[in-house]
Full PDB file with SEQRES, HELIX, SHEET, SSBOND, CRYST1, ORIGX, SCALE, CONECT and MASTER records, all heavy atoms in Angstrom:
SEQRES   1 A   35  GLU GLY GLY ARG VAL HIS ARG LEU LYS PRO PRO PHE THR          
SEQRES   2 A   35  GLN TRP PRO ALA LEU GLY ASN LEU GLY VAL ILE ASP ASN          
SEQRES   3 A   35  PRO THR ILE SER TYR HIS PHE ALA LYS                          
HELIX    1 AA1 LEU A   18  ILE A   24  1                                   7    
HELIX    2 AA2 PRO A   27  ALA A   34  1                                   8    
CRYST1    1.000    1.000    1.000  90.00  90.00  90.00 P 1           1          
ORIGX1      1.000000  0.000000  0.000000        0.00000                         
ORIGX2      0.000000  1.000000  0.000000        0.00000                         
ORIGX3      0.000000  0.000000  1.000000        0.00000                         
SCALE1      1.000000  0.000000  0.000000        0.00000                         
SCALE2      0.000000  1.000000  0.000000        0.00000                         
SCALE3      0.000000  0.000000  1.000000        0.00000                         
ATOM      1  N   GLU A   1       0.815  -1.216   0.000  1.00  0.00           N  
ATOM      2  CA  GLU A   1       0.000   0.000   0.000  1.00  0.00           C  
ATOM      3  C   GLU A   1       0.849   1.266   0.000  1.00  0.00           C  
ATOM      4  O   GLU A   1       0.405   2.310  -0.466  1.00  0.00           O  
ATOM      5  CB  GLU A   1      -0.901   0.012   1.241  1.00  0.00           C  
ATOM      6  CG  GLU A   1      -1.852  -1.167   1.340  1.00  0.00           C  
ATOM      7  CD  GLU A   1      -2.566  -1.207   2.690  1.00  0.00           C  
ATOM      8  OE1 GLU A   1      -2.486  -0.200   3.442  1.00  0.00           O  
ATOM      9  OE2 GLU A   1      -3.189  -2.231   2.989  1.00  0.00           O  
ATOM     10  N   GLY A   2       2.059   1.188   0.580  1.00  0.00           N  
ATOM     11  CA  GLY A   2       2.815   2.376   0.951  1.00  0.00           C  
ATOM     12  C   GLY A   2       2.639   2.617   2.439  1.00  0.00           C  
ATOM     13  O   GLY A   2       1.760   2.043   3.088  1.00  0.00           O  
ATOM     14  N   GLY A   3       3.492   3.446   3.031  1.00  0.00           N  
ATOM     15  CA  GLY A   3       3.402   3.690   4.475  1.00  0.00           C  
ATOM     16  C   GLY A   3       3.750   2.448   5.261  1.00  0.00           C  
ATOM     17  O   GLY A   3       4.717   1.761   4.974  1.00  0.00           O  
ATOM     18  N   ARG A   4       2.922   2.108   6.263  1.00  0.00           N  
ATOM     19  CA  ARG A   4       3.280   0.993   7.152  1.00  0.00           C  
ATOM     20  C   ARG A   4       2.993  -0.375   6.553  1.00  0.00           C  
ATOM     21  O   ARG A   4       3.465  -1.384   7.072  1.00  0.00           O  
ATOM     22  CB  ARG A   4       2.599   1.144   8.515  1.00  0.00           C  
ATOM     23  CG  ARG A   4       1.090   1.272   8.477  1.00  0.00           C  
ATOM     24  CD  ARG A   4       0.583   1.731   9.849  1.00  0.00           C  
ATOM     25  NE  ARG A   4      -0.687   2.411   9.773  1.00  0.00           N  
ATOM     26  CZ  ARG A   4      -1.823   1.922  10.245  1.00  0.00           C  
ATOM     27  NH1 ARG A   4      -1.846   0.725  10.799  1.00  0.00           N  
ATOM     28  NH2 ARG A   4      -2.938   2.619  10.158  1.00  0.00           N  
ATOM     29  N   VAL A   5       2.217  -0.447   5.471  1.00  0.00           N  
ATOM     30  CA  VAL A   5       2.019  -1.716   4.768  1.00  0.00           C  
ATOM     31  C   VAL A   5       2.901  -1.677   3.523  1.00  0.00           C  
ATOM     32  O   VAL A   5       2.486  -1.259   2.436  1.00  0.00           O  
ATOM     33  CB  VAL A   5       0.539  -1.943   4.413  1.00  0.00           C  
ATOM     34  CG1 VAL A   5       0.362  -3.292   3.714  1.00  0.00           C  
ATOM     35  CG2 VAL A   5      -0.315  -1.893   5.680  1.00  0.00           C  
ATOM     36  N   HIS A   6       4.168  -2.081   3.708  1.00  0.00           N  
ATOM     37  CA  HIS A   6       5.207  -1.856   2.710  1.00  0.00           C  
ATOM     38  C   HIS A   6       6.150  -3.054   2.709  1.00  0.00           C  
ATOM     39  O   HIS A   6       7.001  -3.185   3.581  1.00  0.00           O  
ATOM     40  CB  HIS A   6       5.980  -0.578   3.073  1.00  0.00           C  
ATOM     41  CG  HIS A   6       6.601   0.121   1.915  1.00  0.00           C  
ATOM     42  ND1 HIS A   6       7.577  -0.436   1.112  1.00  0.00           N  
ATOM     43  CD2 HIS A   6       6.370   1.362   1.407  1.00  0.00           C  
ATOM     44  CE1 HIS A   6       7.922   0.434   0.176  1.00  0.00           C  
ATOM     45  NE2 HIS A   6       7.203   1.528   0.327  1.00  0.00           N  
ATOM     46  N   ARG A   7       5.981  -3.955   1.756  1.00  0.00           N  
ATOM     47  CA  ARG A   7       6.725  -5.220   1.774  1.00  0.00           C  
ATOM     48  C   ARG A   7       8.116  -5.111   1.144  1.00  0.00           C  
ATOM     49  O   ARG A   7       8.993  -5.902   1.467  1.00  0.00           O  
ATOM     50  CB  ARG A   7       5.934  -6.306   1.038  1.00  0.00           C  
ATOM     51  CG  ARG A   7       4.476  -6.414   1.432  1.00  0.00           C  
ATOM     52  CD  ARG A   7       4.274  -6.632   2.916  1.00  0.00           C  
ATOM     53  NE  ARG A   7       2.861  -6.752   3.237  1.00  0.00           N  
ATOM     54  CZ  ARG A   7       2.367  -6.791   4.453  1.00  0.00           C  
ATOM     55  NH1 ARG A   7       3.177  -6.700   5.502  1.00  0.00           N  
ATOM     56  NH2 ARG A   7       1.072  -6.910   4.661  1.00  0.00           N  
ATOM     57  N   LEU A   8       8.311  -4.186   0.224  1.00  0.00           N  
ATOM     58  CA  LEU A   8       9.586  -4.070  -0.482  1.00  0.00           C  
ATOM     59  C   LEU A   8      10.455  -3.003   0.186  1.00  0.00           C  
ATOM     60  O   LEU A   8      10.071  -1.827   0.246  1.00  0.00           O  
ATOM     61  CB  LEU A   8       9.367  -3.712  -1.956  1.00  0.00           C  
ATOM     62  CG  LEU A   8       9.056  -4.887  -2.906  1.00  0.00           C  
ATOM     63  CD1 LEU A   8       7.738  -5.552  -2.547  1.00  0.00           C  
ATOM     64  CD2 LEU A   8       9.030  -4.396  -4.346  1.00  0.00           C  
ATOM     65  N   LYS A   9      11.599  -3.432   0.685  1.00  0.00           N  
ATOM     66  CA  LYS A   9      12.522  -2.528   1.379  1.00  0.00           C  
ATOM     67  C   LYS A   9      13.533  -1.944   0.388  1.00  0.00           C  
ATOM     68  O   LYS A   9      13.592  -2.344  -0.771  1.00  0.00           O  
ATOM     69  CB  LYS A   9      13.237  -3.293   2.488  1.00  0.00           C  
ATOM     70  CG  LYS A   9      12.307  -4.040   3.439  1.00  0.00           C  
ATOM     71  CD  LYS A   9      11.245  -3.152   4.040  1.00  0.00           C  
ATOM     72  CE  LYS A   9      10.337  -3.912   4.992  1.00  0.00           C  
ATOM     73  NZ  LYS A   9       9.165  -3.097   5.405  1.00  0.00           N  
ATOM     74  N   PRO A  10      14.356  -0.971   0.828  1.00  0.00           N  
ATOM     75  CA  PRO A  10      15.384  -0.433  -0.068  1.00  0.00           C  
ATOM     76  C   PRO A  10      16.236  -1.557  -0.645  1.00  0.00           C  
ATOM     77  O   PRO A  10      16.463  -2.561   0.032  1.00  0.00           O  
ATOM     78  CB  PRO A  10      16.206   0.472   0.866  1.00  0.00           C  
ATOM     79  CG  PRO A  10      15.253   0.859   1.958  1.00  0.00           C  
ATOM     80  CD  PRO A  10      14.367  -0.339   2.145  1.00  0.00           C  
ATOM     81  N   PRO A  11      16.666  -1.457  -1.899  1.00  0.00           N  
ATOM     82  CA  PRO A  11      16.707  -0.265  -2.756  1.00  0.00           C  
ATOM     83  C   PRO A  11      15.404   0.062  -3.485  1.00  0.00           C  
ATOM     84  O   PRO A  11      15.372   0.981  -4.301  1.00  0.00           O  
ATOM     85  CB  PRO A  11      17.786  -0.636  -3.778  1.00  0.00           C  
ATOM     86  CG  PRO A  11      17.622  -2.109  -3.963  1.00  0.00           C  
ATOM     87  CD  PRO A  11      17.299  -2.627  -2.586  1.00  0.00           C  
ATOM     88  N   PHE A  12      14.335  -0.693  -3.231  1.00  0.00           N  
ATOM     89  CA  PHE A  12      13.059  -0.323  -3.841  1.00  0.00           C  
ATOM     90  C   PHE A  12      12.578   1.003  -3.258  1.00  0.00           C  
ATOM     91  O   PHE A  12      12.905   1.365  -2.123  1.00  0.00           O  
ATOM     92  CB  PHE A  12      12.021  -1.417  -3.596  1.00  0.00           C  
ATOM     93  CG  PHE A  12      12.312  -2.710  -4.322  1.00  0.00           C  
ATOM     94  CD1 PHE A  12      12.905  -3.769  -3.667  1.00  0.00           C  
ATOM     95  CD2 PHE A  12      12.010  -2.835  -5.668  1.00  0.00           C  
ATOM     96  CE1 PHE A  12      13.184  -4.948  -4.327  1.00  0.00           C  
ATOM     97  CE2 PHE A  12      12.285  -4.011  -6.348  1.00  0.00           C  
ATOM     98  CZ  PHE A  12      12.875  -5.075  -5.681  1.00  0.00           C  
ATOM     99  N   THR A  13      11.786   1.711  -4.027  1.00  0.00           N  
ATOM    100  CA  THR A  13      11.241   2.992  -3.584  1.00  0.00           C  
ATOM    101  C   THR A  13      10.428   2.810  -2.312  1.00  0.00           C  
ATOM    102  O   THR A  13       9.673   1.850  -2.178  1.00  0.00           O  
ATOM    103  CB  THR A  13      10.337   3.590  -4.681  1.00  0.00           C  
ATOM    104  OG1 THR A  13      11.073   3.681  -5.892  1.00  0.00           O  
ATOM    105  CG2 THR A  13       9.823   4.967  -4.287  1.00  0.00           C  
ATOM    106  N   GLN A  14      10.595   3.738  -1.376  1.00  0.00           N  
ATOM    107  CA  GLN A  14       9.817   3.719  -0.136  1.00  0.00           C  
ATOM    108  C   GLN A  14       8.652   4.706  -0.272  1.00  0.00           C  
ATOM    109  O   GLN A  14       8.831   5.909  -0.183  1.00  0.00           O  
ATOM    110  CB  GLN A  14      10.720   4.058   1.050  1.00  0.00           C  
ATOM    111  CG  GLN A  14      11.879   3.078   1.220  1.00  0.00           C  
ATOM    112  CD  GLN A  14      11.401   1.635   1.360  1.00  0.00           C  
ATOM    113  OE1 GLN A  14      10.876   1.259   2.409  1.00  0.00           O  
ATOM    114  NE2 GLN A  14      11.575   0.818   0.328  1.00  0.00           N  
ATOM    115  N   TRP A  15       7.481   4.160  -0.530  1.00  0.00           N  
ATOM    116  CA  TRP A  15       6.314   4.969  -0.859  1.00  0.00           C  
ATOM    117  C   TRP A  15       5.610   5.469   0.403  1.00  0.00           C  
ATOM    118  O   TRP A  15       5.530   4.754   1.399  1.00  0.00           O  
ATOM    119  CB  TRP A  15       5.336   4.157  -1.699  1.00  0.00           C  
ATOM    120  CG  TRP A  15       5.961   3.623  -2.951  1.00  0.00           C  
ATOM    121  CD1 TRP A  15       6.503   2.386  -3.141  1.00  0.00           C  
ATOM    122  CD2 TRP A  15       6.133   4.331  -4.183  1.00  0.00           C  
ATOM    123  NE1 TRP A  15       7.007   2.266  -4.411  1.00  0.00           N  
ATOM    124  CE2 TRP A  15       6.787   3.446  -5.083  1.00  0.00           C  
ATOM    125  CE3 TRP A  15       5.794   5.612  -4.623  1.00  0.00           C  
ATOM    126  CZ2 TRP A  15       7.114   3.808  -6.379  1.00  0.00           C  
ATOM    127  CZ3 TRP A  15       6.104   5.970  -5.915  1.00  0.00           C  
ATOM    128  CH2 TRP A  15       6.758   5.081  -6.781  1.00  0.00           C  
ATOM    129  N   PRO A  16       5.068   6.679   0.368  1.00  0.00           N  
ATOM    130  CA  PRO A  16       4.337   7.194   1.540  1.00  0.00           C  
ATOM    131  C   PRO A  16       2.966   6.538   1.677  1.00  0.00           C  
ATOM    132  O   PRO A  16       2.485   5.867   0.762  1.00  0.00           O  
ATOM    133  CB  PRO A  16       4.186   8.687   1.206  1.00  0.00           C  
ATOM    134  CG  PRO A  16       4.175   8.737  -0.288  1.00  0.00           C  
ATOM    135  CD  PRO A  16       5.124   7.651  -0.737  1.00  0.00           C  
ATOM    136  N   ALA A  17       2.356   6.735   2.833  1.00  0.00           N  
ATOM    137  CA  ALA A  17       1.012   6.216   3.082  1.00  0.00           C  
ATOM    138  C   ALA A  17      -0.012   6.981   2.241  1.00  0.00           C  
ATOM    139  O   ALA A  17       0.201   8.143   1.869  1.00  0.00           O  
ATOM    140  CB  ALA A  17       0.676   6.348   4.559  1.00  0.00           C  
ATOM    141  N   LEU A  18      -1.139   6.323   1.980  1.00  0.00           N  
ATOM    142  CA  LEU A  18      -2.195   6.974   1.193  1.00  0.00           C  
ATOM    143  C   LEU A  18      -2.710   8.240   1.869  1.00  0.00           C  
ATOM    144  O   LEU A  18      -3.171   9.164   1.191  1.00  0.00           O  
ATOM    145  CB  LEU A  18      -3.368   6.013   0.969  1.00  0.00           C  
ATOM    146  CG  LEU A  18      -3.192   4.866  -0.019  1.00  0.00           C  
ATOM    147  CD1 LEU A  18      -4.535   4.214  -0.293  1.00  0.00           C  
ATOM    148  CD2 LEU A  18      -2.567   5.340  -1.316  1.00  0.00           C  
ATOM    149  N   GLY A  19      -2.645   8.268   3.203  1.00  0.00           N  
ATOM    150  CA  GLY A  19      -3.107   9.462   3.896  1.00  0.00           C  
ATOM    151  C   GLY A  19      -2.401  10.722   3.435  1.00  0.00           C  
ATOM    152  O   GLY A  19      -2.991  11.808   3.423  1.00  0.00           O  
ATOM    153  N   ASN A  20      -1.140  10.618   3.035  1.00  0.00           N  
ATOM    154  CA  ASN A  20      -0.405  11.772   2.517  1.00  0.00           C  
ATOM    155  C   ASN A  20      -1.029  12.280   1.221  1.00  0.00           C  
ATOM    156  O   ASN A  20      -1.049  13.490   0.964  1.00  0.00           O  
ATOM    157  CB  ASN A  20       1.058  11.398   2.257  1.00  0.00           C  
ATOM    158  CG  ASN A  20       1.816  11.077   3.522  1.00  0.00           C  
ATOM    159  OD1 ASN A  20       1.329  10.340   4.362  1.00  0.00           O  
ATOM    160  ND2 ASN A  20       3.014  11.610   3.671  1.00  0.00           N  
ATOM    161  N   LEU A  21      -1.513  11.347   0.399  1.00  0.00           N  
ATOM    162  CA  LEU A  21      -2.155  11.752  -0.849  1.00  0.00           C  
ATOM    163  C   LEU A  21      -3.443  12.524  -0.570  1.00  0.00           C  
ATOM    164  O   LEU A  21      -3.787  13.462  -1.292  1.00  0.00           O  
ATOM    165  CB  LEU A  21      -2.471  10.531  -1.717  1.00  0.00           C  
ATOM    166  CG  LEU A  21      -1.270   9.708  -2.187  1.00  0.00           C  
ATOM    167  CD1 LEU A  21      -1.746   8.505  -2.992  1.00  0.00           C  
ATOM    168  CD2 LEU A  21      -0.309  10.553  -3.015  1.00  0.00           C  
ATOM    169  N   GLY A  22      -4.136  12.125   0.481  1.00  0.00           N  
ATOM    170  CA  GLY A  22      -5.352  12.849   0.841  1.00  0.00           C  
ATOM    171  C   GLY A  22      -5.072  14.262   1.290  1.00  0.00           C  
ATOM    172  O   GLY A  22      -5.866  15.170   1.032  1.00  0.00           O  
ATOM    173  N   VAL A  23      -3.943  14.451   1.969  1.00  0.00           N  
ATOM    174  CA  VAL A  23      -3.573  15.807   2.402  1.00  0.00           C  
ATOM    175  C   VAL A  23      -3.257  16.682   1.193  1.00  0.00           C  
ATOM    176  O   VAL A  23      -3.681  17.842   1.110  1.00  0.00           O  
ATOM    177  CB  VAL A  23      -2.362  15.745   3.366  1.00  0.00           C  
ATOM    178  CG1 VAL A  23      -1.856  17.150   3.673  1.00  0.00           C  
ATOM    179  CG2 VAL A  23      -2.742  15.014   4.651  1.00  0.00           C  
ATOM    180  N   ILE A  24      -2.529  16.120   0.225  1.00  0.00           N  
ATOM    181  CA  ILE A  24      -2.237  16.860  -1.015  1.00  0.00           C  
ATOM    182  C   ILE A  24      -3.519  17.085  -1.798  1.00  0.00           C  
ATOM    183  O   ILE A  24      -3.739  18.157  -2.384  1.00  0.00           O  
ATOM    184  CB  ILE A  24      -1.209  16.082  -1.864  1.00  0.00           C  
ATOM    185  CG1 ILE A  24       0.105  15.940  -1.100  1.00  0.00           C  
ATOM    186  CG2 ILE A  24      -0.975  16.761  -3.210  1.00  0.00           C  
ATOM    187  CD1 ILE A  24       1.087  14.976  -1.735  1.00  0.00           C  
ATOM    188  N   ASP A  25      -4.375  16.044  -1.829  1.00  0.00           N  
ATOM    189  CA  ASP A  25      -5.718  16.095  -2.419  1.00  0.00           C  
ATOM    190  C   ASP A  25      -5.710  16.499  -3.884  1.00  0.00           C  
ATOM    191  O   ASP A  25      -6.477  17.360  -4.315  1.00  0.00           O  
ATOM    192  CB  ASP A  25      -6.627  17.030  -1.611  1.00  0.00           C  
ATOM    193  CG  ASP A  25      -8.112  16.727  -1.861  1.00  0.00           C  
ATOM    194  OD1 ASP A  25      -8.420  15.616  -2.324  1.00  0.00           O  
ATOM    195  OD2 ASP A  25      -8.941  17.628  -1.608  1.00  0.00           O  
ATOM    196  N   ASN A  26      -4.829  15.845  -4.649  1.00  0.00           N  
ATOM    197  CA  ASN A  26      -4.786  16.065  -6.095  1.00  0.00           C  
ATOM    198  C   ASN A  26      -4.851  14.692  -6.771  1.00  0.00           C  
ATOM    199  O   ASN A  26      -3.871  13.946  -6.741  1.00  0.00           O  
ATOM    200  CB  ASN A  26      -3.491  16.802  -6.467  1.00  0.00           C  
ATOM    201  CG  ASN A  26      -3.420  17.140  -7.944  1.00  0.00           C  
ATOM    202  OD1 ASN A  26      -3.904  16.393  -8.797  1.00  0.00           O  
ATOM    203  ND2 ASN A  26      -2.801  18.274  -8.261  1.00  0.00           N  
ATOM    204  N   PRO A  27      -5.993  14.345  -7.385  1.00  0.00           N  
ATOM    205  CA  PRO A  27      -6.128  13.020  -7.988  1.00  0.00           C  
ATOM    206  C   PRO A  27      -5.081  12.710  -9.052  1.00  0.00           C  
ATOM    207  O   PRO A  27      -4.736  11.542  -9.245  1.00  0.00           O  
ATOM    208  CB  PRO A  27      -7.536  13.050  -8.587  1.00  0.00           C  
ATOM    209  CG  PRO A  27      -8.276  14.057  -7.780  1.00  0.00           C  
ATOM    210  CD  PRO A  27      -7.255  15.109  -7.442  1.00  0.00           C  
ATOM    211  N   THR A  28      -4.568  13.732  -9.724  1.00  0.00           N  
ATOM    212  CA  THR A  28      -3.524  13.486 -10.724  1.00  0.00           C  
ATOM    213  C   THR A  28      -2.270  12.923 -10.056  1.00  0.00           C  
ATOM    214  O   THR A  28      -1.619  12.010 -10.589  1.00  0.00           O  
ATOM    215  CB  THR A  28      -3.178  14.789 -11.473  1.00  0.00           C  
ATOM    216  OG1 THR A  28      -4.356  15.285 -12.115  1.00  0.00           O  
ATOM    217  CG2 THR A  28      -2.096  14.547 -12.519  1.00  0.00           C  
ATOM    218  N   ILE A  29      -1.936  13.448  -8.889  1.00  0.00           N  
ATOM    219  CA  ILE A  29      -0.787  12.920  -8.143  1.00  0.00           C  
ATOM    220  C   ILE A  29      -1.067  11.487  -7.692  1.00  0.00           C  
ATOM    221  O   ILE A  29      -0.194  10.620  -7.757  1.00  0.00           O  
ATOM    222  CB  ILE A  29      -0.450  13.839  -6.959  1.00  0.00           C  
ATOM    223  CG1 ILE A  29       0.088  15.182  -7.473  1.00  0.00           C  
ATOM    224  CG2 ILE A  29       0.553  13.183  -6.007  1.00  0.00           C  
ATOM    225  CD1 ILE A  29       0.355  16.203  -6.400  1.00  0.00           C  
ATOM    226  N   SER A  30      -2.294  11.222  -7.247  1.00  0.00           N  
ATOM    227  CA  SER A  30      -2.653   9.856  -6.831  1.00  0.00           C  
ATOM    228  C   SER A  30      -2.527   8.885  -7.996  1.00  0.00           C  
ATOM    229  O   SER A  30      -2.053   7.752  -7.833  1.00  0.00           O  
ATOM    230  CB  SER A  30      -4.070   9.824  -6.268  1.00  0.00           C  
ATOM    231  OG  SER A  30      -4.146  10.571  -5.070  1.00  0.00           O  
ATOM    232  N   TYR A  31      -2.943   9.317  -9.169  1.00  0.00           N  
ATOM    233  CA  TYR A  31      -2.816   8.472 -10.369  1.00  0.00           C  
ATOM    234  C   TYR A  31      -1.344   8.141 -10.641  1.00  0.00           C  
ATOM    235  O   TYR A  31      -0.989   6.974 -10.861  1.00  0.00           O  
ATOM    236  CB  TYR A  31      -3.427   9.197 -11.565  1.00  0.00           C  
ATOM    237  CG  TYR A  31      -3.088   8.560 -12.905  1.00  0.00           C  
ATOM    238  CD1 TYR A  31      -3.788   7.462 -13.378  1.00  0.00           C  
ATOM    239  CD2 TYR A  31      -2.048   9.066 -13.690  1.00  0.00           C  
ATOM    240  CE1 TYR A  31      -3.480   6.870 -14.595  1.00  0.00           C  
ATOM    241  CE2 TYR A  31      -1.727   8.486 -14.903  1.00  0.00           C  
ATOM    242  CZ  TYR A  31      -2.447   7.396 -15.354  1.00  0.00           C  
ATOM    243  OH  TYR A  31      -2.116   6.815 -16.558  1.00  0.00           O  
ATOM    244  N   HIS A  32      -0.492   9.150 -10.603  1.00  0.00           N  
ATOM    245  CA  HIS A  32       0.927   8.928 -10.896  1.00  0.00           C  
ATOM    246  C   HIS A  32       1.611   8.133  -9.779  1.00  0.00           C  
ATOM    247  O   HIS A  32       2.550   7.369 -10.053  1.00  0.00           O  
ATOM    248  CB  HIS A  32       1.632  10.260 -11.150  1.00  0.00           C  
ATOM    249  CG  HIS A  32       1.288  10.856 -12.482  1.00  0.00           C  
ATOM    250  ND1 HIS A  32       1.691  10.299 -13.673  1.00  0.00           N  
ATOM    251  CD2 HIS A  32       0.544  11.953 -12.807  1.00  0.00           C  
ATOM    252  CE1 HIS A  32       1.226  11.027 -14.684  1.00  0.00           C  
ATOM    253  NE2 HIS A  32       0.533  12.032 -14.180  1.00  0.00           N  
ATOM    254  N   PHE A  33       1.146   8.297  -8.540  1.00  0.00           N  
ATOM    255  CA  PHE A  33       1.648   7.490  -7.419  1.00  0.00           C  
ATOM    256  C   PHE A  33       1.405   6.004  -7.699  1.00  0.00           C  
ATOM    257  O   PHE A  33       2.321   5.172  -7.619  1.00  0.00           O  
ATOM    258  CB  PHE A  33       0.929   7.919  -6.135  1.00  0.00           C  
ATOM    259  CG  PHE A  33       1.096   6.997  -4.958  1.00  0.00           C  
ATOM    260  CD1 PHE A  33       2.136   7.164  -4.063  1.00  0.00           C  
ATOM    261  CD2 PHE A  33       0.180   5.967  -4.726  1.00  0.00           C  
ATOM    262  CE1 PHE A  33       2.278   6.319  -2.958  1.00  0.00           C  
ATOM    263  CE2 PHE A  33       0.317   5.119  -3.635  1.00  0.00           C  
ATOM    264  CZ  PHE A  33       1.371   5.296  -2.753  1.00  0.00           C  
ATOM    265  N   ALA A  34       0.166   5.657  -8.024  1.00  0.00           N  
ATOM    266  CA  ALA A  34      -0.176   4.251  -8.272  1.00  0.00           C  
ATOM    267  C   ALA A  34       0.520   3.731  -9.525  1.00  0.00           C  
ATOM    268  O   ALA A  34       1.006   2.593  -9.547  1.00  0.00           O  
ATOM    269  CB  ALA A  34      -1.689   4.104  -8.404  1.00  0.00           C  
ATOM    270  N   LYS A  35       0.599   4.559 -10.550  1.00  0.00           N  
ATOM    271  CA  LYS A  35       1.254   4.130 -11.793  1.00  0.00           C  
ATOM    272  C   LYS A  35       2.746   3.873 -11.555  1.00  0.00           C  
ATOM    273  O   LYS A  35       3.293   2.850 -12.012  1.00  0.00           O  
ATOM    274  CB  LYS A  35       1.074   5.190 -12.878  1.00  0.00           C  
ATOM    275  CG  LYS A  35       1.706   4.795 -14.211  1.00  0.00           C  
ATOM    276  CD  LYS A  35       1.540   5.900 -15.242  1.00  0.00           C  
ATOM    277  CE  LYS A  35       2.292   5.579 -16.528  1.00  0.00           C  
ATOM    278  NZ  LYS A  35       2.232   6.692 -17.499  1.00  0.00           N  
TER     279      LYS A  35                                                      
MASTER        0    0    0    2    0    0    0    6  278    1    0    3          
END                                                                             
């Protein structure tokens, strides 16, 4: 998911929690996050 549910450790990207996307509140960013 990102955040605390994060199975892939470095060197893989460490993704933020979805809650951060809600704070930014821009669906275009959410789309690019998931992509």
